[in-house]
Amino acid sequence: MADAYPQRIVCLTEEPTEVLYAIGEAHRIVGISGFTVRPARARKEKPKVSAFTSAKIEEILRLEPDLAIGFSDLQADIAQALIKRGVEVWISNHRSVAGILAYVRRLGALVGAWEAADQYAQELEAHIARVREAAARLPQRPRVYFEEWDEPPITGIRWVCELIRIAGGEDVFPERAGCALARDRILADLQEVVRRAPDLIIGSWCGKKFRPERVAARPGWGAIPAVRDGELHEIKSPIILQPGPAALTDGIDALHAIIARWTSRGAPAEVGPGGENGTRAIPFG
């Protein structure tokens, strides 16, 4: 029955790599994304054959994959090129916390490891529940502006919006969470952030360093409580901007750590089950 499942998988994004390693199926992976950082051993063990919107098609074909796994419309051209060359492709398009958990289970079933994947998904669900319980004990819920890109400013990515709420905050642009495409989440009017007055600004600029001094210098933003109080923080993009296990573990922990510290206003705070992995406050001015 082993031959009934894919034996040679190319992972075009990090999420399937992290899941397959977690459920004991890493031996099936023959190629990974160059942006993969989790788990760290994958970068040493597997050839890197793709970026996010581009891929080394000929190198992938030389690996003789029986399945390539990618994510979202942004990888449509890669998927089309591989399909035209006879490779079976699965492009997922999940955008929510529930979608991430379902993805783990679907991927496990796809490789014949349903029970291991279901167990892993249950562990992720338990971690989310622990963060939710810790957040319920916080005395306040801050208003949070999360920025995934700066030029142009983009916000409202759905799973992050949901994780902010679970971690104890309120996303100031919840209505944008329904927009799957980044172009539909661009902020045309930066003064709208001023009007929504976030207590916290969290930046995760997909692959580049967050610059809080540039954010604080935007016209009129000095009136924002987060800027006034120096509450501008960075969460590294690998643990929050990919809809995979990282967001449900280190990502949500980083969000909760920032929110818990804000509620204490500088006093020592209980930051929840994950500590401060992947998050740092950045002085500016």
Protein backbone atom coordinates (compact mmCIF):
# COMPACT_ATOMS: atom_id res chain seq x y z
CA MET A 1 0.00 0.00 0.00
CA ALA A 2 2.98 2.35 0.40
CA ASP A 3 3.02 2.99 -3.35
CA ALA A 4 -0.52 4.34 -3.09
CA TYR A 5 0.89 7.51 -1.53
CA PRO A 6 3.35 10.10 -2.89
CA GLN A 7 6.95 8.99 -2.43
CA ARG A 8 8.84 12.00 -3.84
CA ILE A 9 7.39 15.36 -2.79
CA VAL A 10 8.60 18.84 -3.64
CA CYS A 11 7.45 21.44 -1.09
CA LEU A 12 7.16 24.87 -2.74
CA THR A 13 6.54 26.62 0.59
CA GLU A 14 7.60 26.01 4.17
CA GLU A 15 4.28 24.78 5.60
CA PRO A 16 4.25 21.29 4.06
CA THR A 17 7.91 20.81 4.95
CA GLU A 18 7.29 21.66 8.61
CA VAL A 19 4.23 19.43 8.79
CA LEU A 20 5.85 16.43 7.09
CA TYR A 21 8.86 16.63 9.40
CA ALA A 22 6.58 16.92 12.42
CA ILE A 23 4.58 13.81 11.55
CA GLY A 24 7.59 11.67 10.68
CA GLU A 25 7.28 11.79 6.90
CA ALA A 26 10.34 13.88 6.00
CA HIS A 27 11.78 11.00 3.98
CA ARG A 28 9.20 11.74 1.29
CA ILE A 29 10.55 15.27 0.67
CA VAL A 30 13.01 15.61 -2.22
CA GLY A 31 13.02 19.41 -2.59
CA ILE A 32 12.06 22.49 -0.58
CA SER A 33 11.58 26.25 -0.81
CA GLY A 34 14.66 28.41 -0.36
CA PHE A 35 12.67 30.41 2.21
CA THR A 36 12.30 27.39 4.48
CA VAL A 37 13.69 27.96 7.98
CA ARG A 38 11.60 25.42 9.93
CA PRO A 39 12.78 22.93 10.79
CA ALA A 40 16.37 24.12 10.55
CA ARG A 41 17.62 20.65 9.60
CA ALA A 42 15.55 20.73 6.40
CA ARG A 43 17.86 23.35 4.88
CA LYS A 44 20.80 20.99 5.41
CA GLU A 45 19.07 17.84 4.25
CA LYS A 46 16.99 18.90 1.25
CA PRO A 47 17.83 20.74 -2.01
CA LYS A 48 16.31 24.19 -2.38
CA VAL A 49 14.44 24.43 -5.67
CA SER A 50 11.99 27.33 -5.38
CA ALA A 51 11.39 30.80 -4.02
CA PHE A 52 7.80 31.90 -3.49
CA THR A 53 6.75 33.23 -6.88
CA SER A 54 9.44 31.46 -8.90
CA ALA A 55 10.94 27.99 -9.09
CA LYS A 56 13.72 26.08 -10.80
CA ILE A 57 11.44 23.99 -12.96
CA GLU A 58 14.16 21.93 -14.63
CA GLU A 59 15.79 21.14 -11.28
CA ILE A 60 12.43 20.08 -9.90
CA LEU A 61 11.86 17.79 -12.87
CA ARG A 62 15.27 16.17 -12.35
CA LEU A 63 14.12 15.21 -8.85
CA GLU A 64 11.31 13.17 -10.47
CA PRO A 65 8.59 14.23 -8.00
CA ASP A 66 5.26 12.49 -7.92
CA LEU A 67 3.73 15.47 -6.11
CA ALA A 68 4.47 19.18 -5.69
CA ILE A 69 2.76 21.10 -2.88
CA GLY A 70 2.34 24.88 -2.88
CA PHE A 71 0.18 27.66 -1.53
CA SER A 72 -2.09 30.36 -2.95
CA ASP A 73 -2.71 32.14 -6.22
CA LEU A 74 0.80 33.57 -6.06
CA GLN A 75 2.15 30.16 -7.05
CA ALA A 76 -0.30 29.63 -9.91
CA ASP A 77 2.37 30.13 -12.58
CA ILE A 78 4.69 27.58 -10.93
CA ALA A 79 1.83 25.12 -10.65
CA GLN A 80 0.89 25.61 -14.29
CA ALA A 81 4.48 25.06 -15.47
CA LEU A 82 4.77 21.84 -13.48
CA ILE A 83 1.37 20.55 -14.54
CA LYS A 84 2.29 21.12 -18.18
CA ARG A 85 5.36 18.96 -17.61
CA GLY A 86 3.32 16.15 -16.13
CA VAL A 87 3.78 16.75 -12.40
CA GLU A 88 0.83 16.35 -10.06
CA VAL A 89 0.35 19.55 -8.03
CA TRP A 90 -1.65 20.42 -4.92
CA ILE A 91 -2.09 24.13 -4.25
CA SER A 92 -3.78 24.83 -0.94
CA ASN A 93 -5.41 28.18 -0.24
CA HIS A 94 -6.26 28.12 3.45
CA ARG A 95 -6.35 31.48 5.22
CA SER A 96 -7.66 30.90 8.74
CA VAL A 97 -6.63 29.19 11.95
CA ALA A 98 -9.20 26.49 11.32
CA GLY A 99 -7.87 26.22 7.78
CA ILE A 100 -4.32 25.64 9.02
CA LEU A 101 -5.48 22.83 11.29
CA ALA A 102 -7.50 21.27 8.47
CA TYR A 103 -4.46 21.57 6.20
CA VAL A 104 -2.33 19.56 8.63
CA ARG A 105 -4.92 16.79 8.65
CA ARG A 106 -5.41 16.81 4.85
CA LEU A 107 -1.69 16.66 4.21
CA GLY A 108 -1.33 13.77 6.62
CA ALA A 109 -4.12 11.88 4.87
CA LEU A 110 -2.50 12.59 1.50
CA VAL A 111 0.68 10.77 2.51
CA GLY A 112 -1.03 7.95 4.42
CA ALA A 113 -0.23 9.34 7.86
CA TRP A 114 -3.68 10.42 9.03
CA GLU A 115 -3.29 9.34 12.65
CA ALA A 116 0.05 11.13 13.13
CA ALA A 117 -1.30 14.26 11.47
CA ASP A 118 -4.46 14.22 13.56
CA GLN A 119 -2.39 13.85 16.74
CA TYR A 120 -0.20 16.76 15.67
CA ALA A 121 -3.26 18.90 14.90
CA GLN A 122 -4.65 18.09 18.35
CA GLU A 123 -1.37 19.24 19.92
CA LEU A 124 -1.61 22.51 17.98
CA GLU A 125 -5.23 22.93 19.10
CA ALA A 126 -4.21 22.35 22.72
CA HIS A 127 -1.52 25.01 22.45
CA ILE A 128 -4.00 27.52 21.04
CA ALA A 129 -6.36 26.72 23.91
CA ARG A 130 -3.63 27.39 26.48
CA VAL A 131 -2.88 30.78 24.94
CA ARG A 132 -6.60 31.61 24.82
CA GLU A 133 -6.92 30.77 28.52
CA ALA A 134 -3.89 32.90 29.41
CA ALA A 135 -5.32 35.79 27.36
CA ALA A 136 -8.66 35.52 29.17
CA ARG A 137 -6.85 36.37 32.43
CA LEU A 138 -5.42 39.64 31.09
CA PRO A 139 -6.99 42.79 32.56
CA GLN A 140 -7.27 44.63 29.21
CA ARG A 141 -7.47 43.95 25.51
CA PRO A 142 -5.29 46.32 23.46
CA ARG A 143 -6.18 47.52 19.99
CA VAL A 144 -3.59 46.15 17.57
CA TYR A 145 -2.46 47.31 14.14
CA PHE A 146 -0.52 44.56 12.34
CA GLU A 147 1.43 45.49 9.21
CA GLU A 148 2.69 42.78 6.88
CA TRP A 149 4.22 45.17 4.32
CA ASP A 150 5.10 48.85 4.30
CA GLU A 151 5.22 50.09 0.70
CA PRO A 152 2.30 50.07 0.24
CA PRO A 153 1.06 49.33 3.78
CA ILE A 154 -0.86 46.04 3.88
CA THR A 155 -2.83 44.71 6.83
CA GLY A 156 -5.68 42.40 7.80
CA ILE A 157 -4.28 38.95 6.93
CA ARG A 158 -6.95 36.60 8.23
CA TRP A 159 -5.07 34.06 10.35
CA VAL A 160 -3.07 36.85 12.01
CA CYS A 161 -6.26 38.75 12.78
CA GLU A 162 -7.67 35.62 14.41
CA LEU A 163 -4.45 34.94 16.33
CA ILE A 164 -4.39 38.50 17.67
CA ARG A 165 -7.84 37.98 19.15
CA ILE A 166 -6.93 34.58 20.60
CA ALA A 167 -3.75 36.10 22.11
CA GLY A 168 -5.71 38.82 23.91
CA GLY A 169 -5.93 41.75 21.51
CA GLU A 170 -8.32 43.29 18.99
CA ASP A 171 -7.24 43.83 15.39
CA VAL A 172 -8.16 47.37 14.34
CA PHE A 173 -8.92 46.23 10.77
CA PRO A 174 -11.00 43.07 11.28
CA GLU A 175 -13.07 43.76 8.16
CA ARG A 176 -10.01 43.23 5.98
CA ALA A 177 -9.63 39.64 7.15
CA GLY A 178 -12.18 38.54 4.57
CA CYS A 179 -9.93 39.70 1.72
CA ALA A 180 -7.78 36.80 0.56
CA LEU A 181 -5.62 38.79 -1.87
CA ALA A 182 -2.97 41.18 -0.57
CA ARG A 183 -3.95 43.86 -3.10
CA ASP A 184 -7.38 44.05 -1.45
CA ARG A 185 -5.78 44.70 1.96
CA ILE A 186 -3.72 47.73 0.96
CA LEU A 187 -4.38 50.82 3.10
CA ALA A 188 -5.07 53.66 0.69
CA ASP A 189 -5.59 56.15 3.53
CA LEU A 190 -2.92 55.96 6.23
CA GLN A 191 -4.91 58.37 8.37
CA GLU A 192 -7.40 55.57 8.93
CA VAL A 193 -4.83 53.97 11.24
CA VAL A 194 -4.65 57.24 13.16
CA ARG A 195 -8.41 57.31 13.51
CA ARG A 196 -8.53 53.72 14.78
CA ALA A 197 -5.92 54.55 17.43
CA PRO A 198 -4.13 51.25 18.03
CA ASP A 199 -2.41 50.69 21.36
CA LEU A 200 0.11 48.37 19.72
CA ILE A 201 1.73 48.38 16.31
CA ILE A 202 3.26 45.09 15.23
CA GLY A 203 5.30 44.85 12.06
CA SER A 204 6.30 41.77 10.11
CA TRP A 205 7.58 42.93 6.76
CA CYS A 206 7.83 39.66 4.84
CA GLY A 207 11.53 39.02 4.60
CA LYS A 208 12.90 42.45 5.52
CA LYS A 209 13.68 44.33 8.73
CA PHE A 210 10.85 46.24 10.37
CA ARG A 211 11.74 49.93 10.76
CA PRO A 212 9.68 51.44 13.60
CA GLU A 213 11.25 54.88 13.20
CA ARG A 214 9.87 55.08 9.67
CA VAL A 215 6.43 54.01 10.84
CA ALA A 216 6.45 56.56 13.68
CA ALA A 217 7.46 59.33 11.24
CA ARG A 218 4.42 58.90 9.00
CA PRO A 219 2.37 62.12 8.87
CA GLY A 220 -0.02 62.36 11.80
CA TRP A 221 1.03 59.06 13.34
CA GLY A 222 2.54 60.75 16.38
CA ALA A 223 -1.01 60.96 17.74
CA ILE A 224 -1.44 57.18 17.73
CA PRO A 225 -1.25 55.75 21.28
CA ALA A 226 1.18 53.03 20.16
CA VAL A 227 3.58 55.62 18.71
CA ARG A 228 3.18 57.98 21.65
CA ASP A 229 4.00 55.18 24.08
CA GLY A 230 6.77 53.55 22.04
CA GLU A 231 4.75 50.36 21.55
CA LEU A 232 6.09 49.35 18.14
CA HIS A 233 7.22 45.73 17.91
CA GLU A 234 8.51 43.27 15.36
CA ILE A 235 7.59 39.62 14.92
CA LYS A 236 9.81 37.81 12.46
CA SER A 237 7.92 36.87 9.31
CA PRO A 238 8.81 33.13 9.27
CA ILE A 239 6.78 32.56 12.44
CA ILE A 240 3.68 34.60 11.61
CA LEU A 241 3.24 35.21 7.87
CA GLN A 242 3.05 31.58 6.75
CA PRO A 243 -0.22 29.70 7.31
CA GLY A 244 1.37 26.70 8.94
CA PRO A 245 2.31 25.30 12.34
CA ALA A 246 4.77 28.13 13.09
CA ALA A 247 1.94 30.66 13.29
CA LEU A 248 0.04 28.47 15.76
CA THR A 249 3.04 27.99 18.04
CA ASP A 250 5.83 30.58 18.03
CA GLY A 251 3.68 33.14 16.21
CA ILE A 252 0.79 33.17 18.65
CA ASP A 253 3.23 33.04 21.58
CA ALA A 254 5.01 36.14 20.27
CA LEU A 255 1.71 37.99 19.91
CA HIS A 256 0.65 37.03 23.43
CA ALA A 257 4.00 38.09 24.87
CA ILE A 258 3.67 41.57 23.38
CA ILE A 259 0.06 41.93 24.49
CA ALA A 260 0.75 40.66 28.02
CA ARG A 261 3.65 43.09 28.45
CA TRP A 262 1.44 45.95 27.28
CA THR A 263 -1.19 45.14 29.90
CA SER A 264 1.47 45.36 32.60
CA ARG A 265 2.87 48.67 31.29
CA GLY A 266 6.45 47.74 31.99
CA ALA A 267 5.98 45.58 35.08
CA PRO A 268 7.11 41.94 34.93
CA ALA A 269 4.46 39.99 33.05
CA GLU A 270 3.47 36.39 32.61
CA VAL A 271 3.87 36.01 28.88
CA GLY A 272 2.20 32.68 28.39
CA PRO A 273 3.34 29.23 27.32
CA GLY A 274 5.79 30.22 24.64
CA GLY A 275 7.90 33.00 26.15
CA GLU A 276 9.32 35.63 23.82
CA ASN A 277 10.44 33.50 20.89
CA GLY A 278 10.60 35.53 17.71
CA THR A 279 9.52 38.88 19.08
CA ARG A 280 11.43 41.99 20.04
CA ALA A 281 10.53 45.54 20.97
CA ILE A 282 12.47 48.10 18.95
CA PRO A 283 13.44 51.49 20.38
CA PHE A 284 13.29 54.43 18.03
CA GLY A 285 13.49 58.18 18.01
